Amino acid sequence: MEQQQKLLKSNQFCMLGEINKFMNNNFKKNQKGLSMLETIINIYVYVLLITICMTVAITYLKTRVAIRQKQQIIEELSITINEMAKKIRMSDCSGSTSQVPNRCINNSGANAITFLQNTGIIPMRYSLWNGGLYISENDGWSWQLMLDNVGGDFSAINTAPTNEIPLITMYLYKIKNGVEISGTRVKTSVSLRSGYTN
């Protein structure tokens, strides 16, 4: 019995020894680390992931900047066109001048509009030319630049003082290199308040 126990212990020892050898051999192999090919593949995958992430981030930021710029342009145009509408709405139909003879509004072409200020005798004119929006107050011919790089149109109906109330439609848009920037068009229509009292 003692011999059997010794033999069993020696067999167990041998088995443990074999397992030990196997583990040591594998452990030594693992100590070598990654091969050169594995390292290159890992670097390639990381660079590819970083490139994809950077492309997505740059596209997002460019889109965000473009949207913000359009919002600023539209805000600027909206403020301007609202101020124009206010002045036109408060204009007077009761007087006449050589520039606005017997009329509330003189729509001389699509790029200019002349009307009488609320005094009824002093003309005011908005004009689009040379890529700018100009205003002329008091004498009707001294121009001040309101906005640069803009285009647009003015149209008016019922401009003569009749029973109809004058209605003016105008739109503005921003231009770059002589071409309209898409998505920047602002439009409004306005009727003259003084037309309601005549």
Protein backbone atom coordinates (compact mmCIF):
# COMPACT_ATOMS: atom_id res chain seq x y z
CA MET A 1 0.00 0.00 0.00
CA GLU A 2 2.79 2.32 0.79
CA GLN A 3 4.28 1.61 -2.58
CA GLN A 4 1.03 2.37 -4.30
CA GLN A 5 0.83 5.69 -2.51
CA LYS A 6 4.41 6.50 -3.52
CA LEU A 7 3.64 5.55 -7.13
CA LEU A 8 0.47 7.63 -7.08
CA LYS A 9 2.33 10.61 -5.62
CA SER A 10 5.08 10.27 -8.20
CA ASN A 11 2.48 10.09 -11.01
CA GLN A 12 0.74 13.14 -9.60
CA PHE A 13 4.05 14.89 -9.35
CA CYS A 14 4.86 13.97 -12.93
CA MET A 15 1.49 15.26 -14.08
CA LEU A 16 2.01 18.46 -12.15
CA GLY A 17 5.45 18.71 -13.65
CA GLU A 18 4.06 18.34 -17.17
CA ILE A 19 1.41 20.96 -16.50
CA ASN A 20 4.10 23.23 -15.08
CA LYS A 21 6.24 22.78 -18.19
CA PHE A 22 3.29 23.47 -20.46
CA MET A 23 2.40 26.64 -18.54
CA ASN A 24 5.98 27.83 -18.50
CA ASN A 25 6.36 27.31 -22.25
CA ASN A 26 3.15 29.21 -22.98
CA PHE A 27 4.04 31.94 -20.53
CA LYS A 28 7.37 32.42 -22.27
CA LYS A 29 5.62 32.63 -25.64
CA ASN A 30 3.23 35.27 -24.28
CA GLN A 31 6.18 37.30 -23.03
CA LYS A 32 7.17 37.94 -26.63
CA GLY A 33 4.22 40.41 -27.04
CA LEU A 34 2.59 41.40 -30.33
CA SER A 35 4.21 40.58 -33.60
CA MET A 36 5.10 43.37 -36.02
CA LEU A 37 2.16 42.48 -38.27
CA GLU A 38 -0.29 42.62 -35.36
CA THR A 39 1.10 46.00 -34.34
CA ILE A 40 0.71 47.42 -37.86
CA ILE A 41 -2.86 46.14 -38.11
CA ASN A 42 -3.73 47.66 -34.71
CA ILE A 43 -2.24 51.01 -35.68
CA TYR A 44 -4.12 50.95 -39.00
CA VAL A 45 -7.45 50.24 -37.25
CA TYR A 46 -6.86 53.04 -34.69
CA VAL A 47 -5.88 55.53 -37.40
CA LEU A 48 -8.95 54.55 -39.44
CA LEU A 49 -11.26 55.05 -36.44
CA ILE A 50 -9.68 58.40 -35.56
CA THR A 51 -9.97 59.54 -39.20
CA ILE A 52 -13.65 58.61 -39.33
CA CYS A 53 -14.36 60.37 -36.03
CA MET A 54 -12.48 63.51 -37.11
CA THR A 55 -14.30 63.59 -40.48
CA VAL A 56 -17.69 63.36 -38.77
CA ALA A 57 -16.71 66.05 -36.22
CA ILE A 58 -15.38 68.44 -38.89
CA THR A 59 -18.48 67.98 -41.06
CA TYR A 60 -20.71 68.66 -38.04
CA LEU A 61 -18.79 71.82 -37.12
CA LYS A 62 -18.80 73.16 -40.70
CA THR A 63 -22.55 72.57 -40.98
CA ARG A 64 -23.15 74.26 -37.64
CA VAL A 65 -21.09 77.31 -38.64
CA ALA A 66 -22.92 77.59 -41.99
CA ILE A 67 -26.32 77.39 -40.29
CA ARG A 68 -25.31 80.03 -37.74
CA GLN A 69 -24.10 82.36 -40.51
CA LYS A 70 -27.41 81.99 -42.37
CA GLN A 71 -29.31 82.69 -39.15
CA GLN A 72 -27.32 85.90 -38.64
CA ILE A 73 -27.94 86.97 -42.26
CA ILE A 74 -31.69 86.31 -41.95
CA GLU A 75 -31.84 88.22 -38.64
CA GLU A 76 -30.06 91.20 -40.22
CA LEU A 77 -32.35 91.17 -43.26
CA SER A 78 -35.46 90.73 -41.09
CA ILE A 79 -34.58 93.73 -38.93
CA THR A 80 -33.97 95.84 -42.04
CA ILE A 81 -37.13 94.81 -43.88
CA ASN A 82 -39.24 95.32 -40.74
CA GLU A 83 -37.84 98.85 -40.36
CA MET A 84 -38.60 99.54 -44.02
CA ALA A 85 -42.13 98.18 -43.63
CA LYS A 86 -42.71 100.38 -40.59
CA LYS A 87 -41.66 103.54 -42.48
CA ILE A 88 -43.77 102.63 -45.51
CA ARG A 89 -46.78 101.72 -43.34
CA MET A 90 -46.63 105.14 -41.64
CA SER A 91 -46.21 107.10 -44.90
CA ASP A 92 -48.77 109.64 -46.06
CA CYS A 93 -51.00 109.65 -49.16
CA SER A 94 -52.31 113.19 -48.78
CA GLY A 95 -49.54 115.16 -50.49
CA SER A 96 -47.64 115.02 -53.76
CA THR A 97 -44.21 116.01 -55.05
CA SER A 98 -42.52 115.88 -58.42
CA GLN A 99 -41.06 112.51 -57.37
CA VAL A 100 -44.38 111.13 -56.15
CA PRO A 101 -46.99 113.07 -58.17
CA ASN A 102 -50.52 112.44 -56.93
CA ARG A 103 -49.54 109.03 -55.75
CA CYS A 104 -48.92 107.29 -52.48
CA ILE A 105 -46.18 105.12 -53.90
CA ASN A 106 -44.01 105.41 -56.98
CA ASN A 107 -42.67 101.98 -57.88
CA SER A 108 -40.17 103.01 -60.55
CA GLY A 109 -38.94 99.60 -61.64
CA ALA A 110 -38.38 96.54 -59.53
CA ASN A 111 -35.32 97.92 -57.81
CA ALA A 112 -36.62 101.17 -56.28
CA ILE A 113 -39.62 102.50 -54.43
CA THR A 114 -40.41 106.11 -53.49
CA PHE A 115 -43.08 107.21 -51.04
CA LEU A 116 -44.04 110.28 -49.00
CA GLN A 117 -43.04 110.34 -45.38
CA ASN A 118 -45.68 110.97 -42.73
CA THR A 119 -45.50 114.72 -43.32
CA GLY A 120 -47.02 114.18 -46.76
CA ILE A 121 -44.47 116.35 -48.61
CA ILE A 122 -41.00 114.87 -48.02
CA PRO A 123 -40.15 111.90 -50.23
CA MET A 124 -38.27 108.85 -49.03
CA ARG A 125 -36.76 106.32 -51.38
CA TYR A 126 -35.36 102.80 -51.08
CA SER A 127 -33.22 101.59 -53.92
CA LEU A 128 -31.29 98.42 -54.73
CA TRP A 129 -28.25 98.98 -56.93
CA ASN A 130 -24.57 98.01 -57.07
CA GLY A 131 -25.23 95.13 -54.68
CA GLY A 132 -26.47 97.39 -51.90
CA LEU A 133 -29.68 98.65 -50.34
CA TYR A 134 -29.73 102.44 -50.15
CA ILE A 135 -32.08 104.86 -48.45
CA SER A 136 -32.67 108.48 -49.36
CA GLU A 137 -34.45 110.67 -46.82
CA ASN A 138 -35.41 114.34 -46.81
CA ASP A 139 -34.56 115.38 -50.39
CA GLY A 140 -35.06 111.98 -51.98
CA TRP A 141 -31.64 111.90 -53.67
CA SER A 142 -28.94 111.87 -50.93
CA TRP A 143 -28.15 108.18 -50.55
CA GLN A 144 -26.99 106.27 -47.51
CA LEU A 145 -25.99 102.62 -47.61
CA MET A 146 -28.21 100.51 -45.35
CA LEU A 147 -26.93 97.03 -46.27
CA ASP A 148 -24.18 95.75 -48.51
CA ASN A 149 -24.23 92.60 -50.67
CA VAL A 150 -28.02 92.41 -50.97
CA GLY A 151 -30.49 92.01 -53.78
CA GLY A 152 -34.25 92.05 -53.88
CA ASP A 153 -37.39 93.47 -55.39
CA PHE A 154 -40.17 95.96 -54.66
CA SER A 155 -43.66 95.82 -56.09
CA ALA A 156 -46.72 97.92 -55.37
CA ILE A 157 -50.38 97.78 -56.28
CA ASN A 158 -53.07 100.45 -55.87
CA THR A 159 -50.45 103.22 -55.87
CA ALA A 160 -52.73 106.07 -56.94
CA PRO A 161 -54.98 107.55 -54.22
CA THR A 162 -58.27 105.84 -54.92
CA ASN A 163 -60.65 103.85 -52.79
CA GLU A 164 -58.13 101.00 -52.79
CA ILE A 165 -55.48 100.76 -50.09
CA PRO A 166 -51.91 100.68 -51.43
CA LEU A 167 -50.09 97.40 -50.87
CA ILE A 168 -46.34 97.06 -51.17
CA THR A 169 -44.52 93.72 -51.33
CA MET A 170 -40.77 93.59 -50.94
CA TYR A 171 -38.13 90.96 -50.50
CA LEU A 172 -34.42 91.02 -49.79
CA TYR A 173 -31.71 88.40 -49.98
CA LYS A 174 -27.97 88.28 -49.39
CA ILE A 175 -25.65 87.91 -52.36
CA LYS A 176 -22.10 86.59 -52.61
CA ASN A 177 -20.06 87.10 -55.78
CA GLY A 178 -23.19 88.37 -57.51
CA VAL A 179 -25.22 85.23 -56.74
CA GLU A 180 -28.06 84.85 -54.22
CA ILE A 181 -27.11 82.84 -51.13
CA SER A 182 -29.81 80.19 -50.94
CA GLY A 183 -32.04 80.20 -47.89
CA THR A 184 -31.52 83.89 -47.08
CA ARG A 185 -34.61 85.40 -48.74
CA VAL A 186 -36.85 87.52 -46.50
CA LYS A 187 -40.20 88.82 -47.75
CA THR A 188 -42.99 91.00 -46.39
CA SER A 189 -46.06 92.88 -47.57
CA VAL A 190 -47.29 96.10 -46.05
CA SER A 191 -50.31 98.36 -46.55
CA LEU A 192 -50.35 102.08 -45.90
CA ARG A 193 -52.20 103.04 -42.72
CA SER A 194 -53.07 106.43 -44.10
CA GLY A 195 -55.04 104.64 -46.82
CA TYR A 196 -57.52 103.45 -44.21
CA THR A 197 -58.47 107.01 -43.22
CA ASN A 198 -58.95 108.44 -46.72
